[in-house]
Amino acid sequence: MPGELETVTTYDLPVKILLLNNLGDGMVRQWQKMYFGHRFSGTDKSLHSKDFVRAAEADGFRFAARLSEKAK
């Protein structure tokens, strides 16, 4: 993802990005669950705590924001 963010800001592309962090690679996990007897390899991201907002800001996204609660 970092390479893509930098490309967007480098070429000033009119792109909006919504990133949902589910702490794992959902589709890969699904296949490992269905076809590999729940043997998960390389899909558990719970030990990593990348701050995607800071990464986006570092790549030039001035309006990066973290949304953690539903609007009331």
PDB file of N, CA and C in Angstrom:
ATOM      1  N   MET A   1       0.805  -1.204   0.000  1.00  0.00           N
ATOM      2  CA  MET A   1       0.000   0.000   0.000  1.00  0.00           C
ATOM      3  C   MET A   1       0.851   1.274   0.000  1.00  0.00           C
ATOM      4  N   PRO A   2       1.971   1.321   0.693  1.00  0.00           N
ATOM      5  CA  PRO A   2       2.738   2.573   0.716  1.00  0.00           C
ATOM      6  C   PRO A   2       3.154   3.053  -0.670  1.00  0.00           C
ATOM      7  N   GLY A   3       3.506   2.154  -1.557  1.00  0.00           N
ATOM      8  CA  GLY A   3       3.896   2.558  -2.904  1.00  0.00           C
ATOM      9  C   GLY A   3       2.752   3.211  -3.655  1.00  0.00           C
ATOM     10  N   GLU A   4       1.551   2.664  -3.472  1.00  0.00           N
ATOM     11  CA  GLU A   4       0.385   3.222  -4.140  1.00  0.00           C
ATOM     12  C   GLU A   4       0.047   4.607  -3.610  1.00  0.00           C
ATOM     13  N   LEU A   5       0.167   4.796  -2.299  1.00  0.00           N
ATOM     14  CA  LEU A   5      -0.114   6.113  -1.723  1.00  0.00           C
ATOM     15  C   LEU A   5       0.837   7.162  -2.286  1.00  0.00           C
ATOM     16  N   GLU A   6       2.093   6.813  -2.373  1.00  0.00           N
ATOM     17  CA  GLU A   6       3.080   7.749  -2.903  1.00  0.00           C
ATOM     18  C   GLU A   6       2.807   8.072  -4.373  1.00  0.00           C
ATOM     19  N   THR A   7       2.382   7.089  -5.155  1.00  0.00           N
ATOM     20  CA  THR A   7       2.055   7.325  -6.563  1.00  0.00           C
ATOM     21  C   THR A   7       0.916   8.320  -6.697  1.00  0.00           C
ATOM     22  N   VAL A   8      -0.112   8.168  -5.863  1.00  0.00           N
ATOM     23  CA  VAL A   8      -1.268   9.069  -5.911  1.00  0.00           C
ATOM     24  C   VAL A   8      -0.850  10.510  -5.644  1.00  0.00           C
ATOM     25  N   THR A   9      -0.029  10.723  -4.619  1.00  0.00           N
ATOM     26  CA  THR A   9       0.368  12.091  -4.297  1.00  0.00           C
ATOM     27  C   THR A   9       1.416  12.635  -5.265  1.00  0.00           C
ATOM     28  N   THR A  10       2.288  11.786  -5.772  1.00  0.00           N
ATOM     29  CA  THR A  10       3.315  12.229  -6.717  1.00  0.00           C
ATOM     30  C   THR A  10       2.687  12.774  -7.993  1.00  0.00           C
ATOM     31  N   TYR A  11       1.671  12.079  -8.487  1.00  0.00           N
ATOM     32  CA  TYR A  11       1.027  12.485  -9.738  1.00  0.00           C
ATOM     33  C   TYR A  11      -0.247  13.288  -9.517  1.00  0.00           C
ATOM     34  N   ASP A  12      -0.508  13.674  -8.270  1.00  0.00           N
ATOM     35  CA  ASP A  12      -1.668  14.491  -7.905  1.00  0.00           C
ATOM     36  C   ASP A  12      -2.953  13.927  -8.498  1.00  0.00           C
ATOM     37  N   LEU A  13      -3.164  12.632  -8.290  1.00  0.00           N
ATOM     38  CA  LEU A  13      -4.333  11.954  -8.826  1.00  0.00           C
ATOM     39  C   LEU A  13      -5.556  12.229  -7.950  1.00  0.00           C
ATOM     40  N   PRO A  14      -6.720  12.432  -8.544  1.00  0.00           N
ATOM     41  CA  PRO A  14      -7.940  12.709  -7.772  1.00  0.00           C
ATOM     42  C   PRO A  14      -8.548  11.419  -7.211  1.00  0.00           C
ATOM     43  N   VAL A  15      -7.942  10.899  -6.161  1.00  0.00           N
ATOM     44  CA  VAL A  15      -8.345   9.611  -5.614  1.00  0.00           C
ATOM     45  C   VAL A  15      -8.716   9.767  -4.147  1.00  0.00           C
ATOM     46  N   LYS A  16      -9.793   9.094  -3.749  1.00  0.00           N
ATOM     47  CA  LYS A  16     -10.160   8.991  -2.343  1.00  0.00           C
ATOM     48  C   LYS A  16      -9.946   7.541  -1.943  1.00  0.00           C
ATOM     49  N   ILE A  17      -9.385   7.331  -0.768  1.00  0.00           N
ATOM     50  CA  ILE A  17      -9.079   5.974  -0.315  1.00  0.00           C
ATOM     51  C   ILE A  17      -9.759   5.734   1.024  1.00  0.00           C
ATOM     52  N   LEU A  18     -10.428   4.601   1.118  1.00  0.00           N
ATOM     53  CA  LEU A  18     -11.006   4.151   2.378  1.00  0.00           C
ATOM     54  C   LEU A  18     -10.350   2.818   2.695  1.00  0.00           C
ATOM     55  N   LEU A  19      -9.645   2.766   3.792  1.00  0.00           N
ATOM     56  CA  LEU A  19      -8.922   1.559   4.179  1.00  0.00           C
ATOM     57  C   LEU A  19      -9.595   0.948   5.398  1.00  0.00           C
ATOM     58  N   LEU A  20      -9.991  -0.295   5.279  1.00  0.00           N
ATOM     59  CA  LEU A  20     -10.565  -1.019   6.401  1.00  0.00           C
ATOM     60  C   LEU A  20      -9.526  -2.028   6.869  1.00  0.00           C
ATOM     61  N   ASN A  21      -9.062  -1.867   8.075  1.00  0.00           N
ATOM     62  CA  ASN A  21      -8.030  -2.746   8.602  1.00  0.00           C
ATOM     63  C   ASN A  21      -8.689  -3.864   9.412  1.00  0.00           C
ATOM     64  N   ASN A  22      -8.741  -5.056   8.840  1.00  0.00           N
ATOM     65  CA  ASN A  22      -9.329  -6.185   9.555  1.00  0.00           C
ATOM     66  C   ASN A  22      -8.261  -7.066  10.215  1.00  0.00           C
ATOM     67  N   LEU A  23      -7.056  -6.549  10.331  1.00  0.00           N
ATOM     68  CA  LEU A  23      -5.941  -7.231  10.998  1.00  0.00           C
ATOM     69  C   LEU A  23      -5.599  -8.577  10.377  1.00  0.00           C
ATOM     70  N   GLY A  24      -5.825  -8.732   9.109  1.00  0.00           N
ATOM     71  CA  GLY A  24      -5.477  -9.978   8.428  1.00  0.00           C
ATOM     72  C   GLY A  24      -5.821  -9.903   6.956  1.00  0.00           C
ATOM     73  N   ASP A  25      -5.371 -10.855   6.216  1.00  0.00           N
ATOM     74  CA  ASP A  25      -5.660 -10.919   4.794  1.00  0.00           C
ATOM     75  C   ASP A  25      -6.895 -11.793   4.609  1.00  0.00           C
ATOM     76  N   GLY A  26      -8.059 -11.155   4.566  1.00  0.00           N
ATOM     77  CA  GLY A  26      -9.335 -11.855   4.604  1.00  0.00           C
ATOM     78  C   GLY A  26      -9.495 -12.973   3.605  1.00  0.00           C
ATOM     79  N   MET A  27      -9.231 -12.708   2.337  1.00  0.00           N
ATOM     80  CA  MET A  27      -9.448 -13.729   1.328  1.00  0.00           C
ATOM     81  C   MET A  27      -8.460 -14.888   1.487  1.00  0.00           C
ATOM     82  N   VAL A  28      -7.222 -14.559   1.795  1.00  0.00           N
ATOM     83  CA  VAL A  28      -6.217 -15.605   1.997  1.00  0.00           C
ATOM     84  C   VAL A  28      -6.590 -16.435   3.217  1.00  0.00           C
ATOM     85  N   ARG A  29      -7.013 -15.766   4.281  1.00  0.00           N
ATOM     86  CA  ARG A  29      -7.439 -16.482   5.494  1.00  0.00           C
ATOM     87  C   ARG A  29      -8.608 -17.412   5.197  1.00  0.00           C
ATOM     88  N   GLN A  30      -9.546 -16.933   4.383  1.00  0.00           N
ATOM     89  CA  GLN A  30     -10.705 -17.750   4.034  1.00  0.00           C
ATOM     90  C   GLN A  30     -10.260 -19.039   3.340  1.00  0.00           C
ATOM     91  N   TRP A  31      -9.341 -18.940   2.410  1.00  0.00           N
ATOM     92  CA  TRP A  31      -8.842 -20.125   1.707  1.00  0.00           C
ATOM     93  C   TRP A  31      -8.100 -21.051   2.666  1.00  0.00           C
ATOM     94  N   GLN A  32      -7.311 -20.462   3.570  1.00  0.00           N
ATOM     95  CA  GLN A  32      -6.585 -21.293   4.528  1.00  0.00           C
ATOM     96  C   GLN A  32      -7.564 -22.009   5.453  1.00  0.00           C
ATOM     97  N   LYS A  33      -8.653 -21.350   5.764  1.00  0.00           N
ATOM     98  CA  LYS A  33      -9.674 -21.950   6.622  1.00  0.00           C
ATOM     99  C   LYS A  33     -10.402 -23.081   5.894  1.00  0.00           C
ATOM    100  N   MET A  34     -10.799 -22.827   4.635  1.00  0.00           N
ATOM    101  CA  MET A  34     -11.604 -23.787   3.884  1.00  0.00           C
ATOM    102  C   MET A  34     -10.805 -24.988   3.375  1.00  0.00           C
ATOM    103  N   TYR A  35      -9.596 -24.723   2.894  1.00  0.00           N
ATOM    104  CA  TYR A  35      -8.870 -25.767   2.187  1.00  0.00           C
ATOM    105  C   TYR A  35      -7.603 -26.276   2.871  1.00  0.00           C
ATOM    106  N   PHE A  36      -7.185 -25.595   3.935  1.00  0.00           N
ATOM    107  CA  PHE A  36      -5.938 -25.989   4.581  1.00  0.00           C
ATOM    108  C   PHE A  36      -6.120 -26.258   6.072  1.00  0.00           C
ATOM    109  N   GLY A  37      -7.323 -26.682   6.461  1.00  0.00           N
ATOM    110  CA  GLY A  37      -7.573 -27.116   7.835  1.00  0.00           C
ATOM    111  C   GLY A  37      -7.289 -26.075   8.899  1.00  0.00           C
ATOM    112  N   HIS A  38      -7.624 -24.810   8.624  1.00  0.00           N
ATOM    113  CA  HIS A  38      -7.417 -23.724   9.585  1.00  0.00           C
ATOM    114  C   HIS A  38      -5.947 -23.504   9.921  1.00  0.00           C
ATOM    115  N   ARG A  39      -5.058 -23.904   9.037  1.00  0.00           N
ATOM    116  CA  ARG A  39      -3.625 -23.656   9.249  1.00  0.00           C
ATOM    117  C   ARG A  39      -3.303 -22.296   8.636  1.00  0.00           C
ATOM    118  N   PHE A  40      -3.238 -21.290   9.483  1.00  0.00           N
ATOM    119  CA  PHE A  40      -3.011 -19.926   9.024  1.00  0.00           C
ATOM    120  C   PHE A  40      -1.513 -19.639   8.975  1.00  0.00           C
ATOM    121  N   SER A  41      -1.063 -19.188   7.849  1.00  0.00           N
ATOM    122  CA  SER A  41       0.348 -18.887   7.663  1.00  0.00           C
ATOM    123  C   SER A  41       0.495 -17.516   7.003  1.00  0.00           C
ATOM    124  N   GLY A  42       1.092 -16.601   7.710  1.00  0.00           N
ATOM    125  CA  GLY A  42       1.357 -15.274   7.147  1.00  0.00           C
ATOM    126  C   GLY A  42       0.157 -14.363   7.062  1.00  0.00           C
ATOM    127  N   THR A  43      -0.958 -14.713   7.709  1.00  0.00           N
ATOM    128  CA  THR A  43      -2.144 -13.876   7.594  1.00  0.00           C
ATOM    129  C   THR A  43      -2.554 -13.215   8.905  1.00  0.00           C
ATOM    130  N   ASP A  44      -1.929 -13.574   9.998  1.00  0.00           N
ATOM    131  CA  ASP A  44      -2.261 -12.958  11.279  1.00  0.00           C
ATOM    132  C   ASP A  44      -1.450 -11.683  11.435  1.00  0.00           C
ATOM    133  N   LYS A  45      -2.122 -10.560  11.361  1.00  0.00           N
ATOM    134  CA  LYS A  45      -1.435  -9.262  11.453  1.00  0.00           C
ATOM    135  C   LYS A  45      -1.598  -8.620  12.829  1.00  0.00           C
ATOM    136  N   SER A  46      -2.098  -9.381  13.805  1.00  0.00           N
ATOM    137  CA  SER A  46      -2.367  -8.792  15.115  1.00  0.00           C
ATOM    138  C   SER A  46      -1.103  -8.330  15.830  1.00  0.00           C
ATOM    139  N   LEU A  47       0.059  -8.827  15.444  1.00  0.00           N
ATOM    140  CA  LEU A  47       1.297  -8.405  16.092  1.00  0.00           C
ATOM    141  C   LEU A  47       1.847  -7.120  15.492  1.00  0.00           C
ATOM    142  N   HIS A  48       1.299  -6.700  14.378  1.00  0.00           N
ATOM    143  CA  HIS A  48       1.780  -5.495  13.710  1.00  0.00           C
ATOM    144  C   HIS A  48       0.820  -4.348  14.000  1.00  0.00           C
ATOM    145  N   SER A  49       1.354  -3.186  14.278  1.00  0.00           N
ATOM    146  CA  SER A  49       0.493  -2.052  14.619  1.00  0.00           C
ATOM    147  C   SER A  49       0.841  -0.842  13.753  1.00  0.00           C
ATOM    148  N   LYS A  50       0.773  -1.010  12.446  1.00  0.00           N
ATOM    149  CA  LYS A  50       1.072   0.092  11.538  1.00  0.00           C
ATOM    150  C   LYS A  50       0.006   1.167  11.677  1.00  0.00           C
ATOM    151  N   ASP A  51       0.436   2.411  11.762  1.00  0.00           N
ATOM    152  CA  ASP A  51      -0.476   3.549  11.823  1.00  0.00           C
ATOM    153  C   ASP A  51      -0.695   4.049  10.393  1.00  0.00           C
ATOM    154  N   PHE A  52      -1.803   3.633   9.786  1.00  0.00           N
ATOM    155  CA  PHE A  52      -2.070   3.961   8.398  1.00  0.00           C
ATOM    156  C   PHE A  52      -2.323   5.451   8.186  1.00  0.00           C
ATOM    157  N   VAL A  53      -2.853   6.131   9.189  1.00  0.00           N
ATOM    158  CA  VAL A  53      -3.068   7.576   9.071  1.00  0.00           C
ATOM    159  C   VAL A  53      -1.726   8.290   8.963  1.00  0.00           C
ATOM    160  N   ARG A  54      -0.794   7.923   9.815  1.00  0.00           N
ATOM    161  CA  ARG A  54       0.542   8.547   9.749  1.00  0.00           C
ATOM    162  C   ARG A  54       1.262   8.203   8.446  1.00  0.00           C
ATOM    163  N   ALA A  55       1.075   6.973   7.969  1.00  0.00           N
ATOM    164  CA  ALA A  55       1.687   6.585   6.700  1.00  0.00           C
ATOM    165  C   ALA A  55       1.116   7.433   5.557  1.00  0.00           C
ATOM    166  N   ALA A  56      -0.189   7.640   5.567  1.00  0.00           N
ATOM    167  CA  ALA A  56      -0.827   8.467   4.531  1.00  0.00           C
ATOM    168  C   ALA A  56      -0.342   9.908   4.624  1.00  0.00           C
ATOM    169  N   GLU A  57      -0.251  10.445   5.831  1.00  0.00           N
ATOM    170  CA  GLU A  57       0.249  11.815   6.011  1.00  0.00           C
ATOM    171  C   GLU A  57       1.687  11.934   5.511  1.00  0.00           C
ATOM    172  N   ALA A  58       2.499  10.932   5.791  1.00  0.00           N
ATOM    173  CA  ALA A  58       3.891  10.955   5.347  1.00  0.00           C
ATOM    174  C   ALA A  58       3.999  10.953   3.826  1.00  0.00           C
ATOM    175  N   ASP A  59       3.001  10.364   3.163  1.00  0.00           N
ATOM    176  CA  ASP A  59       3.003  10.335   1.704  1.00  0.00           C
ATOM    177  C   ASP A  59       2.276  11.526   1.098  1.00  0.00           C
ATOM    178  N   GLY A  60       1.855  12.484   1.913  1.00  0.00           N
ATOM    179  CA  GLY A  60       1.291  13.718   1.383  1.00  0.00           C
ATOM    180  C   GLY A  60      -0.213  13.846   1.425  1.00  0.00           C
ATOM    181  N   PHE A  61      -0.908  12.911   2.056  1.00  0.00           N
ATOM    182  CA  PHE A  61      -2.362  13.043   2.197  1.00  0.00           C
ATOM    183  C   PHE A  61      -2.650  13.970   3.374  1.00  0.00           C
ATOM    184  N   ARG A  62      -3.027  15.198   3.081  1.00  0.00           N
ATOM    185  CA  ARG A  62      -3.248  16.192   4.142  1.00  0.00           C
ATOM    186  C   ARG A  62      -4.528  15.941   4.924  1.00  0.00           C
ATOM    187  N   PHE A  63      -5.480  15.226   4.338  1.00  0.00           N
ATOM    188  CA  PHE A  63      -6.776  15.056   4.983  1.00  0.00           C
ATOM    189  C   PHE A  63      -6.978  13.645   5.527  1.00  0.00           C
ATOM    190  N   ALA A  64      -5.906  12.966   5.833  1.00  0.00           N
ATOM    191  CA  ALA A  64      -6.015  11.617   6.390  1.00  0.00           C
ATOM    192  C   ALA A  64      -6.662  11.682   7.763  1.00  0.00           C
ATOM    193  N   ALA A  65      -7.584  10.772   8.029  1.00  0.00           N
ATOM    194  CA  ALA A  65      -8.283  10.771   9.313  1.00  0.00           C
ATOM    195  C   ALA A  65      -8.628   9.351   9.712  1.00  0.00           C
ATOM    196  N   ARG A  66      -8.661   9.111  11.008  1.00  0.00           N
ATOM    197  CA  ARG A  66      -9.042   7.816  11.551  1.00  0.00           C
ATOM    198  C   ARG A  66     -10.494   7.913  12.003  1.00  0.00           C
ATOM    199  N   LEU A  67     -11.302   6.999  11.538  1.00  0.00           N
ATOM    200  CA  LEU A  67     -12.710   6.923  11.958  1.00  0.00           C
ATOM    201  C   LEU A  67     -12.873   5.651  12.775  1.00  0.00           C
ATOM    202  N   SER A  68     -13.285   5.784  14.010  1.00  0.00           N
ATOM    203  CA  SER A  68     -13.392   4.615  14.860  1.00  0.00           C
ATOM    204  C   SER A  68     -14.775   4.446  15.479  1.00  0.00           C
ATOM    205  N   GLU A  69     -15.633   5.447  15.327  1.00  0.00           N
ATOM    206  CA  GLU A  69     -16.986   5.368  15.884  1.00  0.00           C
ATOM    207  C   GLU A  69     -18.004   5.771  14.828  1.00  0.00           C
ATOM    208  N   LYS A  70     -19.181   5.177  14.925  1.00  0.00           N
ATOM    209  CA  LYS A  70     -20.259   5.560  14.023  1.00  0.00           C
ATOM    210  C   LYS A  70     -20.744   6.954  14.397  1.00  0.00           C
ATOM    211  N   ALA A  71     -21.157   7.723  13.389  1.00  0.00           N
ATOM    212  CA  ALA A  71     -21.736   9.043  13.650  1.00  0.00           C
ATOM    213  C   ALA A  71     -23.077   8.866  14.353  1.00  0.00           C
ATOM    214  N   LYS A  72     -23.379   9.787  15.245  1.00  0.00           N
ATOM    215  CA  LYS A  72     -24.646   9.686  15.991  1.00  0.00           C
ATOM    216  C   LYS A  72     -25.692  10.584  15.389  1.00  0.00           C
TER     217      LYS A  72
END
